[in-house]
C-alpha atoms as a PDB file:
ATOM      1  CA  MET A   1     -13.995  -2.706  -5.868  1.00  0.00           C
ATOM      2  CA  LYS A   2     -15.888  -0.399  -7.939  1.00  0.00           C
ATOM      3  CA  LYS A   3     -15.294   1.487 -11.054  1.00  0.00           C
ATOM      4  CA  ILE A   4     -16.775   4.742 -12.026  1.00  0.00           C
ATOM      5  CA  LEU A   5     -15.592   6.341 -15.201  1.00  0.00           C
ATOM      6  CA  PHE A   6     -15.447  10.210 -15.152  1.00  0.00           C
ATOM      7  CA  ALA A   7     -15.071  11.796 -18.132  1.00  0.00           C
ATOM      8  CA  THR A   8     -15.323  15.305 -18.315  1.00  0.00           C
ATOM      9  CA  THR A   9     -15.970  18.111 -21.028  1.00  0.00           C
ATOM     10  CA  ALA A  10     -12.025  19.585 -20.852  1.00  0.00           C
ATOM     11  CA  LEU A  11     -10.905  16.055 -21.667  1.00  0.00           C
ATOM     12  CA  ILE A  12     -13.699  14.733 -24.174  1.00  0.00           C
ATOM     13  CA  ALA A  13     -12.334  18.255 -26.151  1.00  0.00           C
ATOM     14  CA  THR A  14      -8.924  17.677 -25.848  1.00  0.00           C
ATOM     15  CA  ALA A  15      -7.965  14.726 -28.332  1.00  0.00           C
ATOM     16  CA  GLY A  16      -5.457  11.132 -27.805  1.00  0.00           C
ATOM     17  CA  VAL A  17      -6.445  12.746 -24.172  1.00  0.00           C
ATOM     18  CA  ALA A  18      -8.658   9.380 -21.980  1.00  0.00           C
ATOM     19  CA  ALA A  19     -11.189   9.616 -19.011  1.00  0.00           C
ATOM     20  CA  ALA A  20     -10.220   9.899 -15.843  1.00  0.00           C
ATOM     21  CA  ASP A  21     -10.122   5.935 -13.685  1.00  0.00           C
ATOM     22  CA  VAL A  22     -11.894   6.642 -10.205  1.00  0.00           C
ATOM     23  CA  SER A  23     -12.237   3.484  -8.686  1.00  0.00           C
ATOM     24  CA  PHE A  24     -13.570   3.303  -4.914  1.00  0.00           C
ATOM     25  CA  GLY A  25     -12.212  -0.292  -2.612  1.00  0.00           C
ATOM     26  CA  GLY A  26     -11.584  -0.855   0.802  1.00  0.00           C
ATOM     27  CA  TYR A  27     -13.738  -3.238   3.382  1.00  0.00           C
ATOM     28  CA  GLY A  28     -15.620  -3.424   6.721  1.00  0.00           C
ATOM     29  CA  ARG A  29     -14.643  -5.215   9.667  1.00  0.00           C
ATOM     30  CA  PHE A  30     -16.894  -5.518  13.288  1.00  0.00           C
ATOM     31  CA  GLY A  31     -16.834  -7.865  16.169  1.00  0.00           C
ATOM     32  CA  LEU A  32     -14.731  -8.740  19.512  1.00  0.00           C
ATOM     33  CA  PHE A  33     -11.486  -7.910  20.722  1.00  0.00           C
ATOM     34  CA  TYR A  34      -9.494  -9.582  23.344  1.00  0.00           C
ATOM     35  CA  ASP A  35      -6.002  -8.076  25.221  1.00  0.00           C
ATOM     36  CA  GLU A  36      -4.884  -9.569  27.696  1.00  0.00           C
ATOM     37  CA  GLY A  37      -2.963  -6.823  28.511  1.00  0.00           C
ATOM     38  CA  ASN A  38      -5.221  -3.658  28.472  1.00  0.00           C
ATOM     39  CA  GLU A  39      -6.256  -3.610  31.925  1.00  0.00           C
ATOM     40  CA  ALA A  40      -8.012  -0.202  31.072  1.00  0.00           C
ATOM     41  CA  LYS A  41     -10.508  -2.119  28.316  1.00  0.00           C
ATOM     42  CA  GLU A  42      -9.350  -6.184  28.153  1.00  0.00           C
ATOM     43  CA  THR A  43     -12.418  -6.838  25.938  1.00  0.00           C
ATOM     44  CA  ARG A  44     -13.729  -4.477  23.519  1.00  0.00           C
ATOM     45  CA  LEU A  45     -15.934  -3.938  20.416  1.00  0.00           C
ATOM     46  CA  GLU A  46     -13.379  -4.318  17.055  1.00  0.00           C
ATOM     47  CA  GLN A  47     -14.356  -2.336  14.577  1.00  0.00           C
ATOM     48  CA  ARG A  48     -13.100  -0.316  11.237  1.00  0.00           C
ATOM     49  CA  PHE A  49     -14.077   0.554   8.312  1.00  0.00           C
ATOM     50  CA  ARG A  50     -11.434   1.550   5.622  1.00  0.00           C
ATOM     51  CA  LEU A  51     -12.255   4.051   2.051  1.00  0.00           C
ATOM     52  CA  ASN A  52     -10.127   3.749  -0.670  1.00  0.00           C
ATOM     53  CA  ILE A  53     -10.264   6.137  -3.440  1.00  0.00           C
ATOM     54  CA  THR A  54      -7.791   5.767  -6.061  1.00  0.00           C
ATOM     55  CA  ALA A  55      -7.270   8.087  -9.301  1.00  0.00           C
ATOM     56  CA  THR A  56      -6.055   7.126 -13.100  1.00  0.00           C
ATOM     57  CA  ALA A  57      -5.099   8.341 -16.049  1.00  0.00           C
ATOM     58  CA  GLU A  58      -3.300   8.044 -19.040  1.00  0.00           C
ATOM     59  CA  SER A  59      -0.817   9.381 -21.814  1.00  0.00           C
ATOM     60  CA  ASP A  60      -1.176   9.067 -25.150  1.00  0.00           C
ATOM     61  CA  ALA A  61       2.480   7.140 -24.739  1.00  0.00           C
ATOM     62  CA  GLY A  62       0.117   4.636 -22.866  1.00  0.00           C
ATOM     63  CA  VAL A  63       2.000   5.722 -19.242  1.00  0.00           C
ATOM     64  CA  GLU A  64      -0.417   5.130 -16.324  1.00  0.00           C
ATOM     65  CA  PHE A  65      -0.044   7.933 -13.562  1.00  0.00           C
ATOM     66  CA  GLY A  66      -2.394   7.621 -10.431  1.00  0.00           C
ATOM     67  CA  GLY A  67      -2.904   9.084  -7.033  1.00  0.00           C
ATOM     68  CA  ARG A  68      -4.516   7.882  -4.043  1.00  0.00           C
ATOM     69  CA  ILE A  69      -6.215   8.733  -0.172  1.00  0.00           C
ATOM     70  CA  ARG A  70      -7.950   6.479   2.063  1.00  0.00           C
ATOM     71  CA  LEU A  71     -10.218   7.016   4.993  1.00  0.00           C
ATOM     72  CA  GLN A  72     -10.648   5.566   7.832  1.00  0.00           C
ATOM     73  CA  SER A  73     -12.049   4.398  11.385  1.00  0.00           C
ATOM     74  CA  ASP A  74     -11.521   2.310  13.792  1.00  0.00           C
ATOM     75  CA  GLU A  75     -12.373   1.859  17.826  1.00  0.00           C
ATOM     76  CA  LYS A  76      -9.871   2.813  20.276  1.00  0.00           C
ATOM     77  CA  SER A  77      -8.753   0.403  22.587  1.00  0.00           C
ATOM     78  CA  THR A  78      -9.948   2.079  25.540  1.00  0.00           C
ATOM     79  CA  GLY A  79     -13.349   1.913  23.927  1.00  0.00           C
ATOM     80  CA  GLY A  80     -15.026   4.238  21.775  1.00  0.00           C
ATOM     81  CA  ALA A  81     -14.509   4.988  17.801  1.00  0.00           C
ATOM     82  CA  ALA A  82     -12.771   7.253  15.951  1.00  0.00           C
ATOM     83  CA  GLY A  83     -11.841   8.153  12.334  1.00  0.00           C
ATOM     84  CA  SER A  84      -9.499   9.525   9.972  1.00  0.00           C
ATOM     85  CA  GLY A  85      -8.669  10.530   6.637  1.00  0.00           C
ATOM     86  CA  PRO A  86      -8.327  11.991   3.858  1.00  0.00           C
ATOM     87  CA  GLY A  87      -4.444  12.302   4.431  1.00  0.00           C
ATOM     88  CA  ALA A  88      -1.913  12.751   2.182  1.00  0.00           C
ATOM     89  CA  ALA A  89      -1.468  11.617  -0.687  1.00  0.00           C
ATOM     90  CA  GLY A  90       0.298   8.027  -2.543  1.00  0.00           C
ATOM     91  CA  PHE A  91       1.459   8.977  -6.090  1.00  0.00           C
ATOM     92  CA  TRP A  92       2.681   6.620  -9.216  1.00  0.00           C
ATOM     93  CA  VAL A  93       4.231   6.737 -12.435  1.00  0.00           C
ATOM     94  CA  SER A  94       4.109   3.319 -14.393  1.00  0.00           C
ATOM     95  CA  THR A  95       5.108   2.168 -17.665  1.00  0.00           C
ATOM     96  CA  GLY A  96       5.580  -1.825 -18.584  1.00  0.00           C
ATOM     97  CA  GLY A  97       7.653  -3.040 -16.501  1.00  0.00           C
ATOM     98  CA  PHE A  98       8.376  -0.156 -14.416  1.00  0.00           C
ATOM     99  CA  ARG A  99       6.778   1.955 -11.453  1.00  0.00           C
ATOM    100  CA  LEU A 100       7.741   5.136  -9.391  1.00  0.00           C
ATOM    101  CA  ASP A 101       5.728   5.419  -6.197  1.00  0.00           C
ATOM    102  CA  LEU A 102       5.899   9.332  -3.986  1.00  0.00           C
ATOM    103  CA  GLY A 103       4.576  10.501  -1.410  1.00  0.00           C
ATOM    104  CA  ASN A 104       2.883   8.728   1.646  1.00  0.00           C
ATOM    105  CA  THR A 105       3.484   5.777  -0.333  1.00  0.00           C
ATOM    106  CA  SER A 106       4.784   2.312   0.851  1.00  0.00           C
ATOM    107  CA  ASP A 107       8.960   1.521   1.315  1.00  0.00           C
ATOM    108  CA  VAL A 108      10.062  -2.034   0.034  1.00  0.00           C
ATOM    109  CA  LEU A 109       9.774  -4.114   2.991  1.00  0.00           C
ATOM    110  CA  ASP A 110       5.922  -2.713   3.406  1.00  0.00           C
ATOM    111  CA  SER A 111       5.461  -3.052   0.101  1.00  0.00           C
ATOM    112  CA  GLY A 112       5.209  -7.198  -0.607  1.00  0.00           C
ATOM    113  CA  ASP A 113       7.330  -5.747  -3.697  1.00  0.00           C
ATOM    114  CA  ILE A 114      10.599  -8.014  -2.951  1.00  0.00           C
ATOM    115  CA  VAL A 115       9.440 -10.656   0.389  1.00  0.00           C
ATOM    116  CA  SER A 116       6.145 -11.279   2.459  1.00  0.00           C
ATOM    117  CA  PHE A 117       7.050  -9.255   5.095  1.00  0.00           C
ATOM    118  CA  TYR A 118       3.550 -10.239   7.158  1.00  0.00           C
ATOM    119  CA  GLY A 119       2.117 -13.072   5.749  1.00  0.00           C
ATOM    120  CA  ASN A 120      -0.721 -14.811   6.543  1.00  0.00           C
ATOM    121  CA  GLY A 121      -1.991 -12.616   9.425  1.00  0.00           C
ATOM    122  CA  VAL A 122      -3.948 -14.549  13.013  1.00  0.00           C
ATOM    123  CA  GLY A 123      -7.397 -13.367  13.114  1.00  0.00           C
ATOM    124  CA  LEU A 124      -9.962 -10.834  11.940  1.00  0.00           C
ATOM    125  CA  THR A 125      -6.999  -7.857  12.675  1.00  0.00           C
ATOM    126  CA  ALA A 126      -4.292  -9.962  11.680  1.00  0.00           C
ATOM    127  CA  PHE A 127      -3.134  -9.389  15.272  1.00  0.00           C
ATOM    128  CA  VAL A 128      -0.279 -11.642  14.938  1.00  0.00           C
ATOM    129  CA  GLU A 129       1.646 -11.722  11.742  1.00  0.00           C
ATOM    130  CA  GLN A 130       5.666 -13.272  10.974  1.00  0.00           C
ATOM    131  CA  SER A 131       6.667  -9.547  11.018  1.00  0.00           C
ATOM    132  CA  ASP A 132       6.246  -9.000  14.621  1.00  0.00           C
ATOM    133  CA  ALA A 133       9.605  -9.728  15.820  1.00  0.00           C
ATOM    134  CA  PHE A 134      11.838  -8.203  13.386  1.00  0.00           C
ATOM    135  CA  GLY A 135      13.335  -4.458  14.026  1.00  0.00           C
ATOM    136  CA  GLY A 136      13.834  -3.670  10.686  1.00  0.00           C
ATOM    137  CA  ASP A 137      11.319  -0.460   9.095  1.00  0.00           C
ATOM    138  CA  ALA A 138       7.967  -1.043   7.479  1.00  0.00           C
ATOM    139  CA  ASN A 139       6.386   2.168   6.628  1.00  0.00           C
ATOM    140  CA  GLY A 140       3.182   2.294   4.605  1.00  0.00           C
ATOM    141  CA  PHE A 141       0.163   3.884   3.348  1.00  0.00           C
ATOM    142  CA  GLY A 142      -2.724   4.811   6.000  1.00  0.00           C
ATOM    143  CA  SER A 143      -5.038   7.242   5.707  1.00  0.00           C
ATOM    144  CA  GLY A 144      -3.042   9.500   8.674  1.00  0.00           C
ATOM    145  CA  ASN A 145      -0.199  11.945   7.582  1.00  0.00           C
ATOM    146  CA  PRO A 146       2.793  10.873   7.511  1.00  0.00           C
ATOM    147  CA  ASP A 147       6.030  13.165   9.193  1.00  0.00           C
ATOM    148  CA  ARG A 148       7.909  11.218   6.402  1.00  0.00           C
ATOM    149  CA  GLN A 149       7.817  10.966   2.617  1.00  0.00           C
ATOM    150  CA  THR A 150       9.352   8.276   0.835  1.00  0.00           C
ATOM    151  CA  VAL A 151      10.387   7.555  -2.595  1.00  0.00           C
ATOM    152  CA  LYS A 152      10.696   4.012  -4.197  1.00  0.00           C
ATOM    153  CA  ALA A 153      11.282   2.767  -7.963  1.00  0.00           C
ATOM    154  CA  ARG A 154      10.483  -1.332  -8.836  1.00  0.00           C
ATOM    155  CA  TYR A 155      11.405  -2.490 -12.359  1.00  0.00           C
ATOM    156  CA  THR A 156      10.134  -6.263 -12.575  1.00  0.00           C
ATOM    157  CA  VAL A 157      11.180  -8.085 -16.327  1.00  0.00           C
ATOM    158  CA  GLY A 158      10.489 -11.493 -16.463  1.00  0.00           C
ATOM    159  CA  ASP A 159      10.728 -13.305 -12.916  1.00  0.00           C
ATOM    160  CA  PHE A 160      13.348 -11.061 -11.637  1.00  0.00           C
ATOM    161  CA  THR A 161      12.592  -7.836  -9.714  1.00  0.00           C
ATOM    162  CA  ALA A 162      14.234  -5.209  -8.485  1.00  0.00           C
ATOM    163  CA  ALA A 163      13.397  -2.119  -6.046  1.00  0.00           C
ATOM    164  CA  VAL A 164      14.695   0.588  -3.607  1.00  0.00           C
ATOM    165  CA  SER A 165      13.484   3.282  -1.729  1.00  0.00           C
ATOM    166  CA  PHE A 166      14.323   6.294   0.437  1.00  0.00           C
ATOM    167  CA  THR A 167      12.414   7.630   3.087  1.00  0.00           C
ATOM    168  CA  GLU A 168      13.565  10.868   4.443  1.00  0.00           C
ATOM    169  CA  GLU A 169      13.686  12.141   7.830  1.00  0.00           C
ATOM    170  CA  SER A 170      11.641  14.377  10.065  1.00  0.00           C
ATOM    171  CA  GLU A 171      12.643  17.898  10.830  1.00  0.00           C
ATOM    172  CA  ASP A 172       9.793  18.367  12.821  1.00  0.00           C
ATOM    173  CA  ALA A 173      10.773  17.714  16.787  1.00  0.00           C
ATOM    174  CA  ALA A 174       7.633  17.050  17.898  1.00  0.00           C
ATOM    175  CA  VAL A 175       7.233  13.720  15.918  1.00  0.00           C
ATOM    176  CA  ASP A 176       7.751  10.519  16.749  1.00  0.00           C
ATOM    177  CA  LEU A 177      10.753   9.135  17.531  1.00  0.00           C
ATOM    178  CA  GLU A 178      11.439   6.910  14.417  1.00  0.00           C
ATOM    179  CA  ASP A 179      10.541   9.555  12.573  1.00  0.00           C
ATOM    180  CA  HIS A 180      14.017  11.642  13.134  1.00  0.00           C
ATOM    181  CA  TRP A 181      15.850   9.469  10.996  1.00  0.00           C
ATOM    182  CA  SER A 182      15.733   8.038   7.003  1.00  0.00           C
ATOM    183  CA  TYR A 183      16.489   5.328   5.411  1.00  0.00           C
ATOM    184  CA  TYR A 184      16.900   3.549   2.363  1.00  0.00           C
ATOM    185  CA  GLN A 185      15.674   0.282   1.055  1.00  0.00           C
ATOM    186  CA  ILE A 186      17.536  -1.593  -2.259  1.00  0.00           C
ATOM    187  CA  GLY A 187      15.902  -5.589  -2.653  1.00  0.00           C
ATOM    188  CA  PHE A 188      16.299  -7.952  -5.002  1.00  0.00           C
ATOM    189  CA  ALA A 189      13.855 -11.340  -5.638  1.00  0.00           C
ATOM    190  CA  TYR A 190      12.854 -13.625  -8.386  1.00  0.00           C
ATOM    191  CA  ASP A 191       9.926 -16.033  -9.294  1.00  0.00           C
ATOM    192  CA  PHE A 192      11.193 -19.821  -9.336  1.00  0.00           C
ATOM    193  CA  GLY A 193       7.601 -20.887  -9.337  1.00  0.00           C
ATOM    194  CA  VAL A 194       6.630 -23.474  -7.044  1.00  0.00           C
ATOM    195  CA  VAL A 195       9.018 -20.483  -4.351  1.00  0.00           C
ATOM    196  CA  SER A 196       9.897 -17.212  -4.734  1.00  0.00           C
ATOM    197  CA  ALA A 197      12.562 -15.590  -2.543  1.00  0.00           C
ATOM    198  CA  GLY A 198      14.072 -12.390  -1.657  1.00  0.00           C
ATOM    199  CA  ILE A 199      16.799 -10.294   0.469  1.00  0.00           C
ATOM    200  CA  VAL A 200      16.047  -6.600   1.061  1.00  0.00           C
ATOM    201  CA  TYR A 201      19.138  -4.631   2.610  1.00  0.00           C
ATOM    202  CA  GLY A 202      17.967  -1.439   4.700  1.00  0.00           C
ATOM    203  CA  ASP A 203      20.373   0.980   6.732  1.00  0.00           C
ATOM    204  CA  ARG A 204      19.186   4.364   8.180  1.00  0.00           C
ATOM    205  CA  ASP A 205      20.680   7.752   9.039  1.00  0.00           C
ATOM    206  CA  SER A 206      20.415  11.164  11.366  1.00  0.00           C
ATOM    207  CA  ASP A 207      21.051  14.820  11.251  1.00  0.00           C
ATOM    208  CA  ARG A 208      20.572  14.751  14.844  1.00  0.00           C
ATOM    209  CA  ALA A 209      23.494  14.301  17.564  1.00  0.00           C
ATOM    210  CA  ALA A 210      21.147  12.817  19.772  1.00  0.00           C
ATOM    211  CA  PHE A 211      20.867   9.357  17.269  1.00  0.00           C
ATOM    212  CA  ASP A 212      24.545   9.076  16.825  1.00  0.00           C
ATOM    213  CA  LEU A 213      23.617   5.488  17.842  1.00  0.00           C
ATOM    214  CA  LEU A 214      21.963   5.278  15.020  1.00  0.00           C
ATOM    215  CA  GLU A 215      24.824   6.206  12.494  1.00  0.00           C
ATOM    216  CA  ASP A 216      25.332   3.594  10.087  1.00  0.00           C
ATOM    217  CA  THR A 217      22.922   0.725  11.530  1.00  0.00           C
ATOM    218  CA  SER A 218      21.792  -1.852   9.121  1.00  0.00           C
ATOM    219  CA  TYR A 219      19.461  -4.490   8.898  1.00  0.00           C
ATOM    220  CA  TRP A 220      19.121  -7.669   6.107  1.00  0.00           C
ATOM    221  CA  ILE A 221      16.154  -9.518   6.025  1.00  0.00           C
ATOM    222  CA  ILE A 222      15.606 -12.927   3.588  1.00  0.00           C
ATOM    223  CA  GLY A 223      12.498 -14.066   2.495  1.00  0.00           C
ATOM    224  CA  VAL A 224      11.078 -17.546   0.597  1.00  0.00           C
ATOM    225  CA  SER A 225       6.974 -18.509  -0.068  1.00  0.00           C
ATOM    226  CA  GLY A 226       5.444 -20.882  -1.902  1.00  0.00           C
ATOM    227  CA  GLU A 227       2.810 -23.433  -1.808  1.00  0.00           C
ATOM    228  CA  LEU A 228       2.849 -27.179  -1.577  1.00  0.00           C
ATOM    229  CA  GLY A 229      -0.717 -28.535  -2.809  1.00  0.00           C
ATOM    230  CA  GLN A 230      -3.436 -27.189  -0.246  1.00  0.00           C
ATOM    231  CA  LEU A 231      -0.570 -25.380   1.692  1.00  0.00           C
ATOM    232  CA  SER A 232       0.831 -22.047   1.417  1.00  0.00           C
ATOM    233  CA  TYR A 233       4.162 -20.338   3.400  1.00  0.00           C
ATOM    234  CA  ASN A 234       6.368 -17.679   3.786  1.00  0.00           C
ATOM    235  CA  LEU A 235       9.145 -17.552   5.599  1.00  0.00           C
ATOM    236  CA  THR A 236      11.234 -14.565   7.154  1.00  0.00           C
ATOM    237  CA  VAL A 237      14.598 -14.431   8.490  1.00  0.00           C
ATOM    238  CA  GLY A 238      16.736 -11.338   9.425  1.00  0.00           C
ATOM    239  CA  GLU A 239      18.968  -9.423  11.233  1.00  0.00           C
ATOM    240  CA  ASP A 240      19.301  -5.329  12.633  1.00  0.00           C
ATOM    241  CA  ASP A 241      22.005  -3.853  13.512  1.00  0.00           C
ATOM    242  CA  LEU A 242      20.234  -2.920  16.625  1.00  0.00           C
ATOM    243  CA  VAL A 243      19.369  -5.927  18.169  1.00  0.00           C
ATOM    244  CA  ASP A 244      22.416  -7.409  17.256  1.00  0.00           C
ATOM    245  CA  GLU A 245      20.359 -11.107  16.870  1.00  0.00           C
ATOM    246  CA  VAL A 246      18.501 -13.407  14.297  1.00  0.00           C
ATOM    247  CA  ALA A 247      15.814 -12.867  13.898  1.00  0.00           C
ATOM    248  CA  TYR A 248      12.973 -15.221  12.105  1.00  0.00           C
ATOM    249  CA  GLY A 249       8.838 -15.436  10.958  1.00  0.00           C
ATOM    250  CA  LEU A 250       7.225 -18.484   9.492  1.00  0.00           C
ATOM    251  CA  SER A 251       3.700 -18.205   8.686  1.00  0.00           C
ATOM    252  CA  VAL A 252       1.676 -20.807   7.136  1.00  0.00           C
ATOM    253  CA  ALA A 253      -2.639 -21.026   5.786  1.00  0.00           C
ATOM    254  CA  TYR A 254      -4.333 -24.155   4.451  1.00  0.00           C
ATOM    255  CA  ASP A 255      -7.260 -24.801   2.701  1.00  0.00           C
ATOM    256  CA  VAL A 256      -9.362 -27.179   4.330  1.00  0.00           C
ATOM    257  CA  SER A 257     -12.556 -26.521   1.939  1.00  0.00           C
ATOM    258  CA  SER A 258     -12.670 -24.147  -0.732  1.00  0.00           C
ATOM    259  CA  ALA A 259     -14.242 -21.528   2.215  1.00  0.00           C
ATOM    260  CA  THR A 260     -12.144 -22.893   5.035  1.00  0.00           C
ATOM    261  CA  THR A 261      -8.521 -21.690   5.428  1.00  0.00           C
ATOM    262  CA  LEU A 262      -6.863 -22.818   9.124  1.00  0.00           C
ATOM    263  CA  THR A 263      -3.547 -19.908   9.248  1.00  0.00           C
ATOM    264  CA  ALA A 264      -0.947 -20.461  11.991  1.00  0.00           C
ATOM    265  CA  VAL A 265       2.405 -17.782  12.554  1.00  0.00           C
ATOM    266  CA  VAL A 266       5.623 -18.222  15.515  1.00  0.00           C
ATOM    267  CA  ALA A 267       8.194 -16.053  15.034  1.00  0.00           C
ATOM    268  CA  ASP A 268      10.934 -15.283  17.439  1.00  0.00           C
ATOM    269  CA  SER A 269      13.606 -11.933  17.724  1.00  0.00           C
ATOM    270  CA  GLY A 270      16.343 -13.654  19.280  1.00  0.00           C
ATOM    271  CA  VAL A 271      16.222 -11.274  22.174  1.00  0.00           C
ATOM    272  CA  ASP A 272      15.891 -12.928  25.290  1.00  0.00           C
ATOM    273  CA  SER A 273      13.947 -10.379  26.831  1.00  0.00           C
ATOM    274  CA  LEU A 274      11.459 -10.248  23.919  1.00  0.00           C
ATOM    275  CA  ASP A 275       8.849 -13.662  24.459  1.00  0.00           C
ATOM    276  CA  GLU A 276       8.250 -16.306  21.086  1.00  0.00           C
ATOM    277  CA  VAL A 277       4.895 -14.591  18.702  1.00  0.00           C
ATOM    278  CA  TYR A 278       2.622 -17.620  17.549  1.00  0.00           C
ATOM    279  CA  GLY A 279      -1.158 -17.623  16.834  1.00  0.00           C
ATOM    280  CA  VAL A 280      -3.643 -20.102  15.162  1.00  0.00           C
ATOM    281  CA  GLY A 281      -6.535 -18.753  13.415  1.00  0.00           C
ATOM    282  CA  PHE A 282      -8.986 -19.392  10.205  1.00  0.00           C
ATOM    283  CA  LYS A 283     -11.278 -17.738   8.019  1.00  0.00           C
ATOM    284  CA  HIS A 284     -14.496 -19.367   6.386  1.00  0.00           C
ATOM    285  CA  SER A 285     -15.788 -17.336   3.570  1.00  0.00           C
ATOM    286  CA  LEU A 286     -19.638 -16.952   3.534  1.00  0.00           C
ATOM    287  CA  GLY A 287     -19.617 -15.969  -0.010  1.00  0.00           C
ATOM    288  CA  GLY A 288     -20.231 -12.230  -1.549  1.00  0.00           C
ATOM    289  CA  GLY A 289     -16.896 -11.065  -0.761  1.00  0.00           C
ATOM    290  CA  VAL A 290     -17.864 -11.730   3.019  1.00  0.00           C
ATOM    291  CA  SER A 291     -15.962 -14.180   6.298  1.00  0.00           C
ATOM    292  CA  LEU A 292     -16.273 -15.051   9.513  1.00  0.00           C
ATOM    293  CA  ARG A 293     -12.910 -14.310  10.785  1.00  0.00           C
ATOM    294  CA  GLY A 294     -11.037 -14.985  14.621  1.00  0.00           C
ATOM    295  CA  GLY A 295      -7.807 -16.442  16.193  1.00  0.00           C
ATOM    296  CA  VAL A 296      -6.099 -16.429  19.466  1.00  0.00           C
ATOM    297  CA  GLY A 297      -2.768 -16.033  19.762  1.00  0.00           C
ATOM    298  CA  GLN A 298       0.188 -14.576  21.938  1.00  0.00           C
ATOM    299  CA  GLU A 299       2.501 -11.103  21.439  1.00  0.00           C
ATOM    300  CA  THR A 300       6.207 -10.322  22.172  1.00  0.00           C
ATOM    301  CA  ASP A 301       5.314  -8.762  25.960  1.00  0.00           C
ATOM    302  CA  GLY A 302       4.023 -12.255  26.835  1.00  0.00           C
ATOM    303  CA  ASP A 303      -0.604 -10.650  26.925  1.00  0.00           C
ATOM    304  CA  THR A 304      -2.890 -13.150  25.387  1.00  0.00           C
ATOM    305  CA  LEU A 305      -4.867 -12.152  22.383  1.00  0.00           C
ATOM    306  CA  ALA A 306      -7.783 -12.928  20.631  1.00  0.00           C
ATOM    307  CA  ASP A 307     -10.054 -12.043  18.491  1.00  0.00           C
ATOM    308  CA  LEU A 308     -13.593 -13.526  16.124  1.00  0.00           C
ATOM    309  CA  GLY A 309     -15.824 -10.663  14.500  1.00  0.00           C
ATOM    310  CA  ILE A 310     -16.635 -10.776  10.237  1.00  0.00           C
ATOM    311  CA  ARG A 311     -15.348  -8.643   8.256  1.00  0.00           C
ATOM    312  CA  PHE A 312     -17.042  -7.814   4.055  1.00  0.00           C
ATOM    313  CA  ASP A 313     -14.465  -6.976   0.915  1.00  0.00           C
ATOM    314  CA  PHE A 314     -15.822  -4.212  -1.808  1.00  0.00           C
END
């Protein structure tokens, strides 16, 4: 991540006020993507360029205030490409072990503060992840303009972390289905050293009569992660009232060498009509933040997916 320090005349003239710290970071990737179920274009050029712009300032009392926006371009599943952003901003305030996030920001589950929800993704695009079989809400920061905003508070003391978030309901009738309900999440985690464990509970609510089915529906997920020599692992087990089946996800990463890592994912929703999710992939570092990545796997619809390409981080 590259940083540029801006010290304006106004800041210099104001005693006790620190200069603003503005940083730019992100990644680019390009390659090929195969989707057996995409009848319009099974094989396509894969591309993404993501740029995050982050600004922070610190008060005399040592409280940090920050915000960020994102610009991004991606390929289209039918061919071509398009860009988005800068979208809505996400903001935060932090001091000591406490941090408050609000706006275009992650909820507890998406943030990874409590459990590693996504785990080790497979391939260039992480097209298979251990979260793919679980139905709980997980919304995060992006380059678009979200129809719902989120407020999240996190507190860490020693090896213990607690977090809570609330995501509002949209009153716009034209938004996506899932934006018509609000939900809160609360979670607790503890790092035992060789292994860390956490639990997240979520509860939905909606003021719309059409979504009475969602009234008081809830979900829970337990996550365990750790390392065994060159092998790292993430395991999640959870249940959603809307599905009423226990889902699980397991992902592992094995360092073959200092440059090469193999990844594998398996996940199942417990629903008979949905296929098991699985995939294997690799990442080989070329140095300087550049890596060759690829993988092959299957999603819940039973279709085979695969990708191969280059990613560079900056």
